């Protein structure tokens, strides 16, 4: 499965991103989520395939959520994830 996705960053929450099918845009994202997300800012358009690696999320999960819900919401890292990231960069 291959999908052209657009990724938006949140203007309200650091490191929160929405992945959507480029052709459909934000039409399947619930209004309540968009209100909490803030003004979506497009940061990237990419082709997602099962073989592609993403930095913080599993591409299979992203593709599955876009298929079932019309979007995938990537939440900011937890404090534990931030600690692990900092340790890995040392």
C-alpha atoms as a PDB file:
ATOM      1  CA  UNK A   1       0.000   0.000   0.000  1.00  0.00           C
ATOM      2  CA  UNK A   2       1.271   3.445  -0.945  1.00  0.00           C
ATOM      3  CA  UNK A   3      -0.340   6.714   0.135  1.00  0.00           C
ATOM      4  CA  UNK A   4       0.457  10.369  -0.502  1.00  0.00           C
ATOM      5  CA  UNK A   5       0.138  12.060   2.891  1.00  0.00           C
ATOM      6  CA  UNK A   6       0.239  15.622   4.070  1.00  0.00           C
ATOM      7  CA  UNK A   7       1.520  16.311   7.566  1.00  0.00           C
ATOM      8  CA  UNK A   8       0.339  19.294   9.601  1.00  0.00           C
ATOM      9  CA  UNK A   9       1.833  20.616  12.824  1.00  0.00           C
ATOM     10  CA  UNK A  10      -0.212  22.048  15.656  1.00  0.00           C
ATOM     11  CA  UNK A  11       0.032  25.723  16.520  1.00  0.00           C
ATOM     12  CA  UNK A  12      -1.086  24.977  20.084  1.00  0.00           C
ATOM     13  CA  UNK A  13       0.914  21.910  21.105  1.00  0.00           C
ATOM     14  CA  UNK A  14       4.621  21.459  20.439  1.00  0.00           C
ATOM     15  CA  UNK A  15       5.469  18.245  18.553  1.00  0.00           C
ATOM     16  CA  UNK A  16       1.833  17.324  17.793  1.00  0.00           C
ATOM     17  CA  UNK A  17       1.168  16.372  14.155  1.00  0.00           C
ATOM     18  CA  UNK A  18      -1.777  15.298  11.993  1.00  0.00           C
ATOM     19  CA  UNK A  19      -1.200  12.921   9.064  1.00  0.00           C
ATOM     20  CA  UNK A  20      -3.915  12.911   6.390  1.00  0.00           C
ATOM     21  CA  UNK A  21      -4.441  11.647   2.863  1.00  0.00           C
ATOM     22  CA  UNK A  22      -3.280  14.508   0.625  1.00  0.00           C
ATOM     23  CA  UNK A  23      -6.296  14.164  -1.700  1.00  0.00           C
ATOM     24  CA  UNK A  24      -8.843  14.430   1.141  1.00  0.00           C
ATOM     25  CA  UNK A  25      -7.037  16.972   3.286  1.00  0.00           C
ATOM     26  CA  UNK A  26      -8.563  17.701   6.672  1.00  0.00           C
ATOM     27  CA  UNK A  27     -12.170  16.823   5.732  1.00  0.00           C
ATOM     28  CA  UNK A  28     -12.271  13.666   7.928  1.00  0.00           C
ATOM     29  CA  UNK A  29     -10.703  15.301  11.003  1.00  0.00           C
ATOM     30  CA  UNK A  30     -13.373  15.973  13.657  1.00  0.00           C
ATOM     31  CA  UNK A  31     -14.084  19.649  14.300  1.00  0.00           C
ATOM     32  CA  UNK A  32     -13.490  19.226  18.044  1.00  0.00           C
ATOM     33  CA  UNK A  33      -9.977  17.903  17.351  1.00  0.00           C
ATOM     34  CA  UNK A  34      -9.212  20.770  14.957  1.00  0.00           C
ATOM     35  CA  UNK A  35     -10.274  23.283  17.630  1.00  0.00           C
ATOM     36  CA  UNK A  36      -7.859  21.733  20.139  1.00  0.00           C
ATOM     37  CA  UNK A  37      -5.140  21.340  17.489  1.00  0.00           C
ATOM     38  CA  UNK A  38      -5.176  25.002  16.508  1.00  0.00           C
ATOM     39  CA  UNK A  39      -4.550  26.329  12.997  1.00  0.00           C
ATOM     40  CA  UNK A  40      -3.001  23.387  11.085  1.00  0.00           C
ATOM     41  CA  UNK A  41       0.283  24.334   9.410  1.00  0.00           C
ATOM     42  CA  UNK A  42       1.393  22.100   6.558  1.00  0.00           C
ATOM     43  CA  UNK A  43       4.977  20.985   7.113  1.00  0.00           C
ATOM     44  CA  UNK A  44       5.486  18.185   4.601  1.00  0.00           C
ATOM     45  CA  UNK A  45       3.960  16.008   1.907  1.00  0.00           C
ATOM     46  CA  UNK A  46       5.388  12.475   1.709  1.00  0.00           C
ATOM     47  CA  UNK A  47       4.656   9.113   0.171  1.00  0.00           C
ATOM     48  CA  UNK A  48       4.091   6.548   2.912  1.00  0.00           C
ATOM     49  CA  UNK A  49       4.749   2.871   2.238  1.00  0.00           C
ATOM     50  CA  UNK A  50       5.002  -0.020   4.722  1.00  0.00           C
ATOM     51  CA  UNK A  51       8.787  -0.079   4.173  1.00  0.00           C
ATOM     52  CA  UNK A  52       9.299   3.594   5.017  1.00  0.00           C
ATOM     53  CA  UNK A  53      10.709   4.500   8.426  1.00  0.00           C
ATOM     54  CA  UNK A  54       9.337   7.388  10.453  1.00  0.00           C
ATOM     55  CA  UNK A  55      11.158   8.944  13.392  1.00  0.00           C
ATOM     56  CA  UNK A  56       8.630   8.472  16.196  1.00  0.00           C
ATOM     57  CA  UNK A  57       5.709   6.435  14.884  1.00  0.00           C
ATOM     58  CA  UNK A  58       5.111   3.129  13.161  1.00  0.00           C
ATOM     59  CA  UNK A  59       4.209   3.737   9.506  1.00  0.00           C
ATOM     60  CA  UNK A  60       1.864   0.711   9.480  1.00  0.00           C
ATOM     61  CA  UNK A  61      -0.149   2.263  12.318  1.00  0.00           C
ATOM     62  CA  UNK A  62      -0.268   5.616  10.494  1.00  0.00           C
ATOM     63  CA  UNK A  63      -1.527   3.994   7.293  1.00  0.00           C
ATOM     64  CA  UNK A  64      -4.099   1.907   9.193  1.00  0.00           C
ATOM     65  CA  UNK A  65      -5.480   4.931  11.064  1.00  0.00           C
ATOM     66  CA  UNK A  66      -5.726   7.003   7.887  1.00  0.00           C
ATOM     67  CA  UNK A  67      -7.643   4.131   6.255  1.00  0.00           C
ATOM     68  CA  UNK A  68     -10.030   3.648   9.188  1.00  0.00           C
ATOM     69  CA  UNK A  69     -10.393   7.184  10.606  1.00  0.00           C
ATOM     70  CA  UNK A  70      -9.198   9.475   7.810  1.00  0.00           C
ATOM     71  CA  UNK A  71      -6.296  10.805   9.882  1.00  0.00           C
ATOM     72  CA  UNK A  72      -3.521   9.885  12.318  1.00  0.00           C
ATOM     73  CA  UNK A  73      -2.727  12.099  15.304  1.00  0.00           C
ATOM     74  CA  UNK A  74       0.883  11.995  16.509  1.00  0.00           C
ATOM     75  CA  UNK A  75       1.036  13.126  20.107  1.00  0.00           C
ATOM     76  CA  UNK A  76       4.011  14.918  21.677  1.00  0.00           C
ATOM     77  CA  UNK A  77       6.606  12.641  23.300  1.00  0.00           C
ATOM     78  CA  UNK A  78       6.123  11.678  26.934  1.00  0.00           C
ATOM     79  CA  UNK A  79       8.718  12.744  29.523  1.00  0.00           C
ATOM     80  CA  UNK A  80      10.118   9.186  29.442  1.00  0.00           C
ATOM     81  CA  UNK A  81      10.509   9.322  25.648  1.00  0.00           C
ATOM     82  CA  UNK A  82      12.265  12.679  25.925  1.00  0.00           C
ATOM     83  CA  UNK A  83      14.700  11.203  28.469  1.00  0.00           C
ATOM     84  CA  UNK A  84      15.451   8.272  26.181  1.00  0.00           C
ATOM     85  CA  UNK A  85      15.954  10.623  23.238  1.00  0.00           C
ATOM     86  CA  UNK A  86      18.357  12.783  25.253  1.00  0.00           C
ATOM     87  CA  UNK A  87      20.332   9.727  26.418  1.00  0.00           C
ATOM     88  CA  UNK A  88      20.581   8.394  22.871  1.00  0.00           C
ATOM     89  CA  UNK A  89      22.065  11.674  21.638  1.00  0.00           C
ATOM     90  CA  UNK A  90      24.833  11.676  24.304  1.00  0.00           C
END
